[in-house]
Amino acid sequence: MKDREITLDKLPMDLEGIVEEVLCDGQTKRRLLDLGLIKGTKIKPVLISPSKDPRAYEFRGNLIAIREEDSSKIKIIF
């Protein structure tokens, strides 16, 4: 099976993906990189807020909420 490339906001709940590229701008990109969200990082959506935005993602032993505005700029493969 060939890997599919999508954006993080489209990754189904409880499926794990691997970060390919972080396309966010400026301070947001810096924060995500500082948290360890770099190419090759395994990431999985685990919680959705009642309003559907943000979603919480688990990666590198952490649980981090990321807004759809930003998760739509993170390319992953799964």
N, C-alpha and C. Protein backbone atom coordinates (compact mmCIF):
# COMPACT_ATOMS: atom_id res chain seq x y z
N MET A 1 0.85 -1.19 0.00
CA MET A 1 0.00 0.00 0.00
C MET A 1 0.88 1.25 0.00
N LYS A 2 0.56 2.18 -0.85
CA LYS A 2 1.32 3.42 -0.96
C LYS A 2 0.85 4.41 0.10
N ASP A 3 1.83 5.13 0.69
CA ASP A 3 1.48 6.15 1.68
C ASP A 3 0.70 7.28 1.01
N ARG A 4 -0.24 7.84 1.77
CA ARG A 4 -1.01 8.97 1.27
C ARG A 4 -0.55 10.23 1.98
N GLU A 5 -0.47 11.34 1.25
CA GLU A 5 -0.11 12.62 1.84
C GLU A 5 -1.36 13.48 1.97
N ILE A 6 -1.61 13.95 3.19
CA ILE A 6 -2.74 14.83 3.47
C ILE A 6 -2.26 15.88 4.47
N THR A 7 -3.16 16.78 4.83
CA THR A 7 -2.83 17.73 5.89
C THR A 7 -3.32 17.16 7.22
N LEU A 8 -2.72 17.60 8.29
CA LEU A 8 -3.00 17.06 9.62
C LEU A 8 -4.47 17.19 10.00
N ASP A 9 -5.12 18.27 9.62
CA ASP A 9 -6.54 18.46 9.98
C ASP A 9 -7.45 17.41 9.36
N LYS A 10 -6.99 16.71 8.31
CA LYS A 10 -7.78 15.67 7.64
C LYS A 10 -7.50 14.27 8.17
N LEU A 11 -6.52 14.12 9.05
CA LEU A 11 -6.17 12.80 9.58
C LEU A 11 -7.29 12.28 10.49
N PRO A 12 -7.83 11.09 10.19
CA PRO A 12 -8.91 10.54 11.02
C PRO A 12 -8.45 10.29 12.46
N MET A 13 -9.39 10.37 13.37
CA MET A 13 -9.12 10.14 14.79
C MET A 13 -8.46 8.78 15.00
N ASP A 14 -7.50 8.77 15.91
CA ASP A 14 -6.79 7.57 16.34
C ASP A 14 -5.98 6.86 15.25
N LEU A 15 -5.77 7.50 14.10
CA LEU A 15 -4.85 6.97 13.10
C LEU A 15 -3.55 7.77 13.22
N GLU A 16 -2.45 7.08 13.10
CA GLU A 16 -1.15 7.74 13.25
C GLU A 16 -0.60 8.14 11.88
N GLY A 17 -0.05 9.35 11.84
CA GLY A 17 0.60 9.84 10.63
C GLY A 17 2.03 10.26 10.96
N ILE A 18 2.79 10.57 9.93
CA ILE A 18 4.16 11.02 10.10
C ILE A 18 4.31 12.38 9.44
N VAL A 19 4.85 13.34 10.18
CA VAL A 19 5.01 14.70 9.68
C VAL A 19 5.98 14.71 8.51
N GLU A 20 5.56 15.34 7.42
CA GLU A 20 6.41 15.53 6.25
C GLU A 20 6.95 16.95 6.20
N GLU A 21 6.09 17.94 6.51
CA GLU A 21 6.50 19.33 6.39
C GLU A 21 5.57 20.22 7.21
N VAL A 22 6.15 21.22 7.87
CA VAL A 22 5.38 22.21 8.62
C VAL A 22 5.43 23.50 7.82
N LEU A 23 4.27 23.92 7.29
CA LEU A 23 4.20 25.09 6.41
C LEU A 23 3.65 26.33 7.09
N CYS A 24 3.48 26.29 8.41
CA CYS A 24 2.99 27.44 9.16
C CYS A 24 4.00 28.59 9.06
N ASP A 25 3.58 29.78 9.42
CA ASP A 25 4.44 30.95 9.34
C ASP A 25 4.94 31.38 10.71
N GLY A 26 6.06 32.05 10.70
CA GLY A 26 6.58 32.79 11.83
C GLY A 26 6.58 32.10 13.17
N GLN A 27 5.96 32.77 14.14
CA GLN A 27 5.97 32.34 15.53
C GLN A 27 5.28 30.99 15.73
N THR A 28 4.21 30.74 15.01
CA THR A 28 3.52 29.45 15.13
C THR A 28 4.43 28.31 14.70
N LYS A 29 5.10 28.48 13.58
CA LYS A 29 6.02 27.44 13.11
C LYS A 29 7.14 27.23 14.13
N ARG A 30 7.68 28.30 14.67
CA ARG A 30 8.75 28.20 15.65
C ARG A 30 8.29 27.42 16.88
N ARG A 31 7.08 27.70 17.37
CA ARG A 31 6.55 27.00 18.54
C ARG A 31 6.38 25.51 18.28
N LEU A 32 5.82 25.18 17.11
CA LEU A 32 5.61 23.77 16.77
C LEU A 32 6.94 23.04 16.64
N LEU A 33 7.91 23.67 16.01
CA LEU A 33 9.23 23.06 15.88
C LEU A 33 9.88 22.89 17.25
N ASP A 34 9.74 23.89 18.12
CA ASP A 34 10.30 23.80 19.47
C ASP A 34 9.67 22.67 20.28
N LEU A 35 8.41 22.36 20.00
CA LEU A 35 7.72 21.27 20.69
C LEU A 35 8.13 19.90 20.14
N GLY A 36 8.88 19.90 19.05
CA GLY A 36 9.35 18.65 18.47
C GLY A 36 8.55 18.17 17.28
N LEU A 37 7.70 19.02 16.74
CA LEU A 37 6.90 18.65 15.57
C LEU A 37 7.73 18.92 14.32
N ILE A 38 8.63 17.97 14.03
CA ILE A 38 9.53 18.09 12.90
C ILE A 38 9.32 16.91 11.95
N LYS A 39 9.92 16.98 10.78
CA LYS A 39 9.78 15.90 9.79
C LYS A 39 10.15 14.56 10.43
N GLY A 40 9.29 13.57 10.20
CA GLY A 40 9.53 12.23 10.74
C GLY A 40 8.84 11.95 12.06
N THR A 41 8.25 12.97 12.68
CA THR A 41 7.56 12.79 13.96
C THR A 41 6.23 12.06 13.76
N LYS A 42 5.98 11.03 14.56
CA LYS A 42 4.68 10.35 14.54
C LYS A 42 3.69 11.19 15.32
N ILE A 43 2.47 11.34 14.77
CA ILE A 43 1.45 12.18 15.40
C ILE A 43 0.08 11.53 15.20
N LYS A 44 -0.77 11.67 16.22
CA LYS A 44 -2.09 11.04 16.18
C LYS A 44 -3.12 11.97 16.82
N PRO A 45 -4.25 12.26 16.14
CA PRO A 45 -5.32 13.03 16.76
C PRO A 45 -6.06 12.16 17.78
N VAL A 46 -6.26 12.68 19.00
CA VAL A 46 -6.89 11.88 20.04
C VAL A 46 -8.13 12.52 20.66
N LEU A 47 -8.28 13.82 20.55
CA LEU A 47 -9.45 14.51 21.12
C LEU A 47 -9.92 15.62 20.20
N ILE A 48 -11.24 15.84 20.17
CA ILE A 48 -11.81 16.97 19.43
C ILE A 48 -12.62 17.79 20.42
N SER A 49 -12.44 19.11 20.38
CA SER A 49 -13.21 19.97 21.28
C SER A 49 -14.68 19.96 20.85
N PRO A 50 -15.60 20.33 21.73
CA PRO A 50 -17.02 20.35 21.38
C PRO A 50 -17.34 21.21 20.15
N SER A 51 -16.56 22.27 19.94
CA SER A 51 -16.79 23.13 18.78
C SER A 51 -16.06 22.62 17.53
N LYS A 52 -15.39 21.47 17.64
CA LYS A 52 -14.63 20.82 16.56
C LYS A 52 -13.29 21.49 16.26
N ASP A 53 -12.95 22.56 16.93
CA ASP A 53 -11.68 23.24 16.72
C ASP A 53 -11.27 23.91 18.01
N PRO A 54 -10.15 23.60 18.61
CA PRO A 54 -9.05 22.81 18.08
C PRO A 54 -9.21 21.32 18.33
N ARG A 55 -8.26 20.57 17.78
CA ARG A 55 -8.15 19.14 18.06
C ARG A 55 -6.86 18.93 18.85
N ALA A 56 -6.86 17.90 19.69
CA ALA A 56 -5.66 17.58 20.47
C ALA A 56 -4.93 16.43 19.78
N TYR A 57 -3.62 16.58 19.69
CA TYR A 57 -2.78 15.59 19.04
C TYR A 57 -1.74 15.08 20.02
N GLU A 58 -1.44 13.80 19.89
CA GLU A 58 -0.41 13.18 20.73
C GLU A 58 0.83 12.95 19.87
N PHE A 59 1.96 13.49 20.33
CA PHE A 59 3.24 13.23 19.68
C PHE A 59 4.35 13.45 20.69
N ARG A 60 5.37 12.61 20.58
CA ARG A 60 6.54 12.66 21.46
C ARG A 60 6.15 12.65 22.95
N GLY A 61 5.12 11.91 23.30
CA GLY A 61 4.69 11.79 24.69
C GLY A 61 3.93 12.98 25.22
N ASN A 62 3.55 13.89 24.35
CA ASN A 62 2.80 15.09 24.76
C ASN A 62 1.43 15.11 24.12
N LEU A 63 0.53 15.88 24.71
CA LEU A 63 -0.80 16.10 24.16
C LEU A 63 -0.93 17.60 23.94
N ILE A 64 -1.03 18.01 22.68
CA ILE A 64 -1.03 19.42 22.31
C ILE A 64 -2.26 19.73 21.46
N ALA A 65 -2.96 20.82 21.78
CA ALA A 65 -4.10 21.27 20.99
C ALA A 65 -3.58 22.19 19.88
N ILE A 66 -4.03 21.91 18.66
CA ILE A 66 -3.63 22.71 17.50
C ILE A 66 -4.90 23.11 16.75
N ARG A 67 -5.00 24.41 16.46
CA ARG A 67 -6.17 24.92 15.73
C ARG A 67 -6.16 24.42 14.28
N GLU A 68 -7.34 24.31 13.69
CA GLU A 68 -7.47 23.86 12.31
C GLU A 68 -6.70 24.79 11.36
N GLU A 69 -6.72 26.06 11.66
CA GLU A 69 -5.99 27.04 10.85
C GLU A 69 -4.51 26.65 10.70
N ASP A 70 -3.94 26.11 11.78
CA ASP A 70 -2.54 25.71 11.75
C ASP A 70 -2.36 24.26 11.32
N SER A 71 -3.24 23.36 11.74
CA SER A 71 -3.08 21.95 11.38
C SER A 71 -3.30 21.73 9.88
N SER A 72 -4.01 22.64 9.24
CA SER A 72 -4.21 22.53 7.79
C SER A 72 -2.93 22.88 7.02
N LYS A 73 -1.93 23.38 7.71
CA LYS A 73 -0.65 23.75 7.09
C LYS A 73 0.48 22.78 7.46
N ILE A 74 0.09 21.61 7.98
CA ILE A 74 1.08 20.59 8.35
C ILE A 74 0.82 19.38 7.47
N LYS A 75 1.76 19.07 6.58
CA LYS A 75 1.62 17.93 5.67
C LYS A 75 2.11 16.66 6.37
N ILE A 76 1.31 15.61 6.26
CA ILE A 76 1.67 14.32 6.84
C ILE A 76 1.44 13.20 5.83
N ILE A 77 2.05 12.06 6.13
CA ILE A 77 1.76 10.85 5.36
C ILE A 77 1.24 9.80 6.33
N PHE A 78 0.38 8.94 5.82
CA PHE A 78 -0.13 7.83 6.64
C PHE A 78 -0.46 6.66 5.77
